[in-house]
Amino acid sequence: MKLRIRGNSVRLRLSRSELETLAETGAAEDRARFGAGGELVYRIAVAPGGEVRAAFSGQAVAVTVPRPLLERWLDPAEVSIRAEQPVGDGESLRILVEKDFACLAPRPDEDDADLFPNPAASDR
């Protein structure tokens, strides 16, 4: 899973196996370790209903997706889940959860074997 935070936006990109784990167990997570006990955990979980939500607590970023949206996202034609969450003072947090597609140009340091086939690859 990849995490990107930029301003008031959070984006998670899931590989095929991470999406399968999420669908089967209701959660998937990863972490970045910084040494000396410091780590950042980022996870996605399924809720029976409600709305897409994001939370930060301690050393964890957690995104929750309602089961009906997850079921729709499992369709191969569906690429992402988008939401906005009010955070106060007239601001909102943009939340984007995407399928992680293989890069069009090979990157020597990355293994794309578990990523989704890039739809743009057929245009080449």
N, C-alpha and C. Protein backbone atom coordinates (compact mmCIF):
# COMPACT_ATOMS: atom_id res chain seq x y z
N MET A 1 0.85 -1.17 0.00
CA MET A 1 0.00 0.00 0.00
C MET A 1 0.90 1.23 0.00
N LYS A 2 0.46 2.22 -0.72
CA LYS A 2 1.19 3.48 -0.77
C LYS A 2 0.34 4.56 -0.12
N LEU A 3 1.00 5.44 0.62
CA LEU A 3 0.33 6.55 1.27
C LEU A 3 0.93 7.84 0.74
N ARG A 4 0.04 8.78 0.40
CA ARG A 4 0.50 10.10 -0.01
C ARG A 4 -0.34 11.12 0.76
N ILE A 5 0.34 12.02 1.42
CA ILE A 5 -0.32 13.11 2.13
C ILE A 5 0.22 14.40 1.54
N ARG A 6 -0.71 15.25 1.12
CA ARG A 6 -0.30 16.54 0.56
C ARG A 6 -1.36 17.56 0.95
N GLY A 7 -0.96 18.53 1.75
CA GLY A 7 -1.93 19.52 2.22
C GLY A 7 -3.07 18.80 2.92
N ASN A 8 -4.29 19.18 2.60
CA ASN A 8 -5.46 18.54 3.19
C ASN A 8 -5.97 17.42 2.30
N SER A 9 -5.08 16.53 1.93
CA SER A 9 -5.50 15.36 1.15
C SER A 9 -4.71 14.13 1.58
N VAL A 10 -5.41 13.01 1.57
CA VAL A 10 -4.81 11.71 1.89
C VAL A 10 -5.16 10.78 0.75
N ARG A 11 -4.16 10.07 0.23
CA ARG A 11 -4.39 9.12 -0.85
C ARG A 11 -3.73 7.79 -0.50
N LEU A 12 -4.51 6.73 -0.63
CA LEU A 12 -3.99 5.37 -0.48
C LEU A 12 -4.09 4.68 -1.83
N ARG A 13 -3.05 3.94 -2.19
CA ARG A 13 -3.07 3.12 -3.39
C ARG A 13 -2.86 1.68 -2.97
N LEU A 14 -3.78 0.81 -3.38
CA LEU A 14 -3.73 -0.60 -2.98
C LEU A 14 -3.37 -1.49 -4.16
N SER A 15 -2.53 -2.48 -3.89
CA SER A 15 -2.19 -3.50 -4.88
C SER A 15 -3.34 -4.50 -4.96
N ARG A 16 -3.23 -5.44 -5.89
CA ARG A 16 -4.27 -6.46 -6.03
C ARG A 16 -4.42 -7.29 -4.76
N SER A 17 -3.31 -7.74 -4.19
CA SER A 17 -3.40 -8.58 -2.99
C SER A 17 -3.92 -7.79 -1.79
N GLU A 18 -3.59 -6.51 -1.69
CA GLU A 18 -4.11 -5.69 -0.60
C GLU A 18 -5.62 -5.49 -0.73
N LEU A 19 -6.10 -5.31 -1.95
CA LEU A 19 -7.54 -5.18 -2.16
C LEU A 19 -8.24 -6.49 -1.83
N GLU A 20 -7.64 -7.61 -2.21
CA GLU A 20 -8.21 -8.92 -1.86
C GLU A 20 -8.26 -9.10 -0.34
N THR A 21 -7.19 -8.73 0.35
CA THR A 21 -7.17 -8.83 1.81
C THR A 21 -8.24 -7.95 2.43
N LEU A 22 -8.38 -6.74 1.93
CA LEU A 22 -9.40 -5.83 2.43
C LEU A 22 -10.80 -6.43 2.25
N ALA A 23 -11.07 -6.98 1.07
CA ALA A 23 -12.38 -7.56 0.78
C ALA A 23 -12.64 -8.80 1.65
N GLU A 24 -11.61 -9.62 1.88
CA GLU A 24 -11.79 -10.87 2.63
C GLU A 24 -11.79 -10.68 4.14
N THR A 25 -10.91 -9.83 4.66
CA THR A 25 -10.76 -9.71 6.11
C THR A 25 -11.34 -8.42 6.69
N GLY A 26 -11.60 -7.45 5.83
CA GLY A 26 -12.14 -6.19 6.30
C GLY A 26 -11.11 -5.14 6.64
N ALA A 27 -9.81 -5.46 6.45
CA ALA A 27 -8.77 -4.47 6.75
C ALA A 27 -7.46 -4.83 6.04
N ALA A 28 -6.67 -3.81 5.78
CA ALA A 28 -5.31 -3.98 5.25
C ALA A 28 -4.48 -2.83 5.81
N GLU A 29 -3.21 -3.09 6.08
CA GLU A 29 -2.37 -2.02 6.60
C GLU A 29 -0.92 -2.22 6.22
N ASP A 30 -0.18 -1.13 6.35
CA ASP A 30 1.26 -1.14 6.11
C ASP A 30 1.86 -0.16 7.10
N ARG A 31 3.17 -0.05 7.11
CA ARG A 31 3.82 0.84 8.05
C ARG A 31 5.17 1.28 7.52
N ALA A 32 5.60 2.44 7.98
CA ALA A 32 6.93 2.95 7.70
C ALA A 32 7.64 3.06 9.04
N ARG A 33 8.76 2.40 9.16
CA ARG A 33 9.53 2.42 10.41
C ARG A 33 10.64 3.46 10.31
N PHE A 34 10.78 4.24 11.38
CA PHE A 34 11.76 5.31 11.39
C PHE A 34 12.89 5.04 12.37
N GLY A 35 12.90 3.88 13.00
CA GLY A 35 13.94 3.55 13.96
C GLY A 35 13.58 4.06 15.35
N ALA A 36 14.26 3.54 16.35
CA ALA A 36 14.07 3.93 17.75
C ALA A 36 12.60 3.87 18.16
N GLY A 37 11.87 2.88 17.63
CA GLY A 37 10.48 2.68 18.03
C GLY A 37 9.48 3.55 17.31
N GLY A 38 9.94 4.47 16.47
CA GLY A 38 9.02 5.34 15.75
C GLY A 38 8.54 4.69 14.46
N GLU A 39 7.23 4.68 14.27
CA GLU A 39 6.68 4.16 13.02
C GLU A 39 5.36 4.85 12.73
N LEU A 40 5.02 4.89 11.47
CA LEU A 40 3.74 5.42 11.03
C LEU A 40 2.97 4.26 10.42
N VAL A 41 1.81 3.96 10.97
CA VAL A 41 0.95 2.89 10.47
C VAL A 41 -0.13 3.54 9.62
N TYR A 42 -0.40 2.97 8.46
CA TYR A 42 -1.51 3.44 7.64
C TYR A 42 -2.34 2.24 7.25
N ARG A 43 -3.66 2.40 7.46
CA ARG A 43 -4.56 1.26 7.27
C ARG A 43 -5.84 1.71 6.60
N ILE A 44 -6.50 0.73 6.02
CA ILE A 44 -7.83 0.92 5.48
C ILE A 44 -8.69 -0.20 6.03
N ALA A 45 -9.91 0.15 6.40
CA ALA A 45 -10.82 -0.84 6.97
C ALA A 45 -12.21 -0.63 6.37
N VAL A 46 -13.01 -1.68 6.48
CA VAL A 46 -14.37 -1.67 5.96
C VAL A 46 -15.35 -1.51 7.12
N ALA A 47 -16.33 -0.64 6.93
CA ALA A 47 -17.42 -0.47 7.89
C ALA A 47 -18.70 -0.95 7.22
N PRO A 48 -19.68 -1.39 8.00
CA PRO A 48 -20.93 -1.88 7.39
C PRO A 48 -21.65 -0.80 6.57
N GLY A 49 -21.57 0.43 7.00
CA GLY A 49 -22.25 1.52 6.30
C GLY A 49 -21.58 2.83 6.62
N GLY A 50 -22.31 3.91 6.42
CA GLY A 50 -21.76 5.23 6.72
C GLY A 50 -21.07 5.84 5.52
N GLU A 51 -20.08 6.66 5.81
CA GLU A 51 -19.35 7.38 4.77
C GLU A 51 -17.86 7.06 4.84
N VAL A 52 -17.14 7.42 3.79
CA VAL A 52 -15.69 7.30 3.81
C VAL A 52 -15.18 8.30 4.85
N ARG A 53 -14.31 7.84 5.72
CA ARG A 53 -13.77 8.69 6.78
C ARG A 53 -12.28 8.45 6.90
N ALA A 54 -11.57 9.46 7.39
CA ALA A 54 -10.15 9.32 7.70
C ALA A 54 -9.92 9.86 9.09
N ALA A 55 -8.99 9.24 9.80
CA ALA A 55 -8.66 9.67 11.15
C ALA A 55 -7.17 9.52 11.38
N PHE A 56 -6.66 10.35 12.27
CA PHE A 56 -5.26 10.25 12.69
C PHE A 56 -5.24 10.15 14.20
N SER A 57 -4.55 9.14 14.69
CA SER A 57 -4.47 8.94 16.13
C SER A 57 -3.11 8.35 16.47
N GLY A 58 -2.41 8.98 17.39
CA GLY A 58 -1.10 8.46 17.78
C GLY A 58 -0.16 8.44 16.60
N GLN A 59 0.14 7.25 16.12
CA GLN A 59 1.05 7.09 14.99
C GLN A 59 0.36 6.39 13.83
N ALA A 60 -0.96 6.58 13.70
CA ALA A 60 -1.70 5.86 12.66
C ALA A 60 -2.64 6.76 11.88
N VAL A 61 -2.66 6.54 10.59
CA VAL A 61 -3.64 7.14 9.68
C VAL A 61 -4.58 6.01 9.30
N ALA A 62 -5.87 6.20 9.54
CA ALA A 62 -6.85 5.15 9.25
C ALA A 62 -7.95 5.70 8.35
N VAL A 63 -8.21 4.99 7.26
CA VAL A 63 -9.30 5.33 6.35
C VAL A 63 -10.33 4.22 6.46
N THR A 64 -11.59 4.60 6.57
CA THR A 64 -12.68 3.64 6.66
C THR A 64 -13.59 3.83 5.45
N VAL A 65 -13.93 2.71 4.82
CA VAL A 65 -14.76 2.70 3.61
C VAL A 65 -16.00 1.85 3.89
N PRO A 66 -17.19 2.35 3.56
CA PRO A 66 -18.39 1.52 3.77
C PRO A 66 -18.43 0.33 2.81
N ARG A 67 -18.93 -0.80 3.29
CA ARG A 67 -18.99 -2.04 2.51
C ARG A 67 -19.63 -1.84 1.13
N PRO A 68 -20.76 -1.11 0.98
CA PRO A 68 -21.34 -0.96 -0.36
C PRO A 68 -20.39 -0.29 -1.36
N LEU A 69 -19.61 0.69 -0.90
CA LEU A 69 -18.62 1.32 -1.80
C LEU A 69 -17.51 0.36 -2.16
N LEU A 70 -17.05 -0.43 -1.19
CA LEU A 70 -16.02 -1.43 -1.47
C LEU A 70 -16.51 -2.43 -2.50
N GLU A 71 -17.73 -2.91 -2.34
CA GLU A 71 -18.28 -3.89 -3.28
C GLU A 71 -18.30 -3.32 -4.70
N ARG A 72 -18.68 -2.06 -4.82
CA ARG A 72 -18.68 -1.41 -6.15
C ARG A 72 -17.25 -1.28 -6.69
N TRP A 73 -16.30 -0.95 -5.79
CA TRP A 73 -14.91 -0.74 -6.19
C TRP A 73 -14.23 -2.03 -6.63
N LEU A 74 -14.75 -3.16 -6.22
CA LEU A 74 -14.17 -4.44 -6.64
C LEU A 74 -14.37 -4.69 -8.14
N ASP A 75 -15.31 -4.02 -8.75
CA ASP A 75 -15.52 -4.12 -10.20
C ASP A 75 -14.24 -3.64 -10.90
N PRO A 76 -13.71 -4.42 -11.86
CA PRO A 76 -12.48 -4.02 -12.54
C PRO A 76 -12.53 -2.65 -13.21
N ALA A 77 -13.71 -2.19 -13.59
CA ALA A 77 -13.84 -0.89 -14.25
C ALA A 77 -13.75 0.28 -13.27
N GLU A 78 -13.93 0.01 -11.98
CA GLU A 78 -13.89 1.07 -10.97
C GLU A 78 -12.45 1.28 -10.51
N VAL A 79 -11.98 2.51 -10.59
CA VAL A 79 -10.58 2.82 -10.29
C VAL A 79 -10.39 3.37 -8.89
N SER A 80 -11.34 4.20 -8.42
CA SER A 80 -11.09 4.90 -7.16
C SER A 80 -12.36 5.13 -6.36
N ILE A 81 -12.13 5.47 -5.12
CA ILE A 81 -13.17 5.93 -4.21
C ILE A 81 -12.73 7.32 -3.76
N ARG A 82 -13.61 8.31 -3.93
CA ARG A 82 -13.30 9.70 -3.56
C ARG A 82 -14.30 10.19 -2.52
N ALA A 83 -13.79 11.00 -1.60
CA ALA A 83 -14.67 11.59 -0.60
C ALA A 83 -14.04 12.87 -0.07
N GLU A 84 -14.86 13.68 0.56
CA GLU A 84 -14.39 14.86 1.29
C GLU A 84 -14.98 14.80 2.68
N GLN A 85 -14.16 15.15 3.65
CA GLN A 85 -14.56 15.09 5.05
C GLN A 85 -14.34 16.48 5.67
N PRO A 86 -15.40 17.09 6.16
CA PRO A 86 -15.22 18.39 6.84
C PRO A 86 -14.28 18.24 8.04
N VAL A 87 -13.38 19.21 8.22
CA VAL A 87 -12.45 19.17 9.34
C VAL A 87 -12.54 20.42 10.22
N GLY A 88 -13.49 21.29 9.92
CA GLY A 88 -13.68 22.50 10.71
C GLY A 88 -13.13 23.73 10.02
N ASP A 89 -13.55 24.88 10.50
CA ASP A 89 -13.11 26.17 9.97
C ASP A 89 -13.35 26.28 8.46
N GLY A 90 -14.39 25.63 7.95
CA GLY A 90 -14.71 25.71 6.54
C GLY A 90 -13.79 24.89 5.63
N GLU A 91 -12.91 24.10 6.22
CA GLU A 91 -11.98 23.29 5.43
C GLU A 91 -12.45 21.84 5.38
N SER A 92 -11.91 21.12 4.40
CA SER A 92 -12.21 19.70 4.31
C SER A 92 -10.95 18.93 3.94
N LEU A 93 -10.98 17.65 4.26
CA LEU A 93 -9.91 16.72 3.93
C LEU A 93 -10.37 15.92 2.72
N ARG A 94 -9.61 15.94 1.65
CA ARG A 94 -9.91 15.12 0.48
C ARG A 94 -9.32 13.73 0.70
N ILE A 95 -10.13 12.71 0.46
CA ILE A 95 -9.71 11.32 0.65
C ILE A 95 -9.84 10.62 -0.69
N LEU A 96 -8.78 9.96 -1.11
CA LEU A 96 -8.78 9.23 -2.37
C LEU A 96 -8.17 7.85 -2.12
N VAL A 97 -8.90 6.82 -2.49
CA VAL A 97 -8.41 5.44 -2.40
C VAL A 97 -8.41 4.90 -3.81
N GLU A 98 -7.26 4.43 -4.29
CA GLU A 98 -7.13 4.01 -5.68
C GLU A 98 -6.54 2.61 -5.80
N LYS A 99 -6.83 1.98 -6.91
CA LYS A 99 -6.11 0.77 -7.30
C LYS A 99 -4.75 1.23 -7.80
N ASP A 100 -3.70 0.53 -7.41
CA ASP A 100 -2.34 0.89 -7.80
C ASP A 100 -2.01 0.21 -9.12
N PHE A 101 -1.85 1.02 -10.17
CA PHE A 101 -1.56 0.49 -11.50
C PHE A 101 -0.06 0.39 -11.74
N ALA A 102 0.32 -0.58 -12.52
CA ALA A 102 1.71 -0.74 -12.93
C ALA A 102 2.14 0.49 -13.72
N CYS A 103 3.38 0.87 -13.58
CA CYS A 103 3.91 2.02 -14.31
C CYS A 103 4.02 1.69 -15.80
N LEU A 104 3.89 2.71 -16.62
CA LEU A 104 4.03 2.50 -18.07
C LEU A 104 5.49 2.28 -18.45
N ALA A 105 6.39 2.97 -17.76
CA ALA A 105 7.82 2.77 -18.00
C ALA A 105 8.39 1.97 -16.84
N PRO A 106 9.13 0.91 -17.13
CA PRO A 106 9.69 0.09 -16.05
C PRO A 106 10.58 0.91 -15.12
N ARG A 107 10.47 0.64 -13.83
CA ARG A 107 11.32 1.28 -12.83
C ARG A 107 12.16 0.18 -12.20
N PRO A 108 13.47 0.28 -12.30
CA PRO A 108 14.34 -0.81 -11.85
C PRO A 108 14.21 -1.15 -10.37
N ASP A 109 13.80 -0.20 -9.53
CA ASP A 109 13.73 -0.45 -8.09
C ASP A 109 12.35 -0.88 -7.62
N GLU A 110 11.39 -1.05 -8.54
CA GLU A 110 10.03 -1.39 -8.13
C GLU A 110 9.56 -2.67 -8.79
N ASP A 111 8.85 -3.47 -8.01
CA ASP A 111 8.26 -4.71 -8.52
C ASP A 111 6.77 -4.46 -8.75
N ASP A 112 6.35 -4.49 -10.00
CA ASP A 112 4.95 -4.22 -10.36
C ASP A 112 4.10 -5.48 -10.46
N ALA A 113 4.64 -6.63 -10.09
CA ALA A 113 3.95 -7.90 -10.30
C ALA A 113 2.58 -7.96 -9.62
N ASP A 114 2.42 -7.30 -8.47
CA ASP A 114 1.17 -7.37 -7.72
C ASP A 114 0.25 -6.18 -8.01
N LEU A 115 0.66 -5.32 -8.93
CA LEU A 115 -0.15 -4.15 -9.24
C LEU A 115 -1.16 -4.44 -10.32
N PHE A 116 -2.15 -3.59 -10.42
CA PHE A 116 -3.19 -3.75 -11.44
C PHE A 116 -2.60 -3.39 -12.80
N PRO A 117 -3.03 -4.07 -13.88
CA PRO A 117 -2.55 -3.72 -15.21
C PRO A 117 -2.96 -2.28 -15.54
N ASN A 118 -2.04 -1.53 -16.08
CA ASN A 118 -2.31 -0.14 -16.41
C ASN A 118 -3.19 -0.06 -17.65
N PRO A 119 -4.37 0.56 -17.57
CA PRO A 119 -5.26 0.64 -18.73
C PRO A 119 -4.64 1.39 -19.90
N ALA A 120 -3.73 2.32 -19.62
CA ALA A 120 -3.09 3.09 -20.68
C ALA A 120 -2.06 2.26 -21.43
N ALA A 121 -1.65 1.12 -20.89
CA ALA A 121 -0.64 0.28 -21.55
C ALA A 121 -1.17 -0.27 -22.87
N SER A 122 -2.47 -0.46 -22.99
CA SER A 122 -3.03 -0.98 -24.24
C SER A 122 -3.05 0.07 -25.34
N ASP A 123 -2.87 1.36 -24.96
CA ASP A 123 -2.84 2.43 -25.95
C ASP A 123 -1.49 2.53 -26.64
N ARG A 124 -0.52 1.82 -26.15
CA ARG A 124 0.85 1.97 -26.69
C ARG A 124 1.13 0.93 -27.74
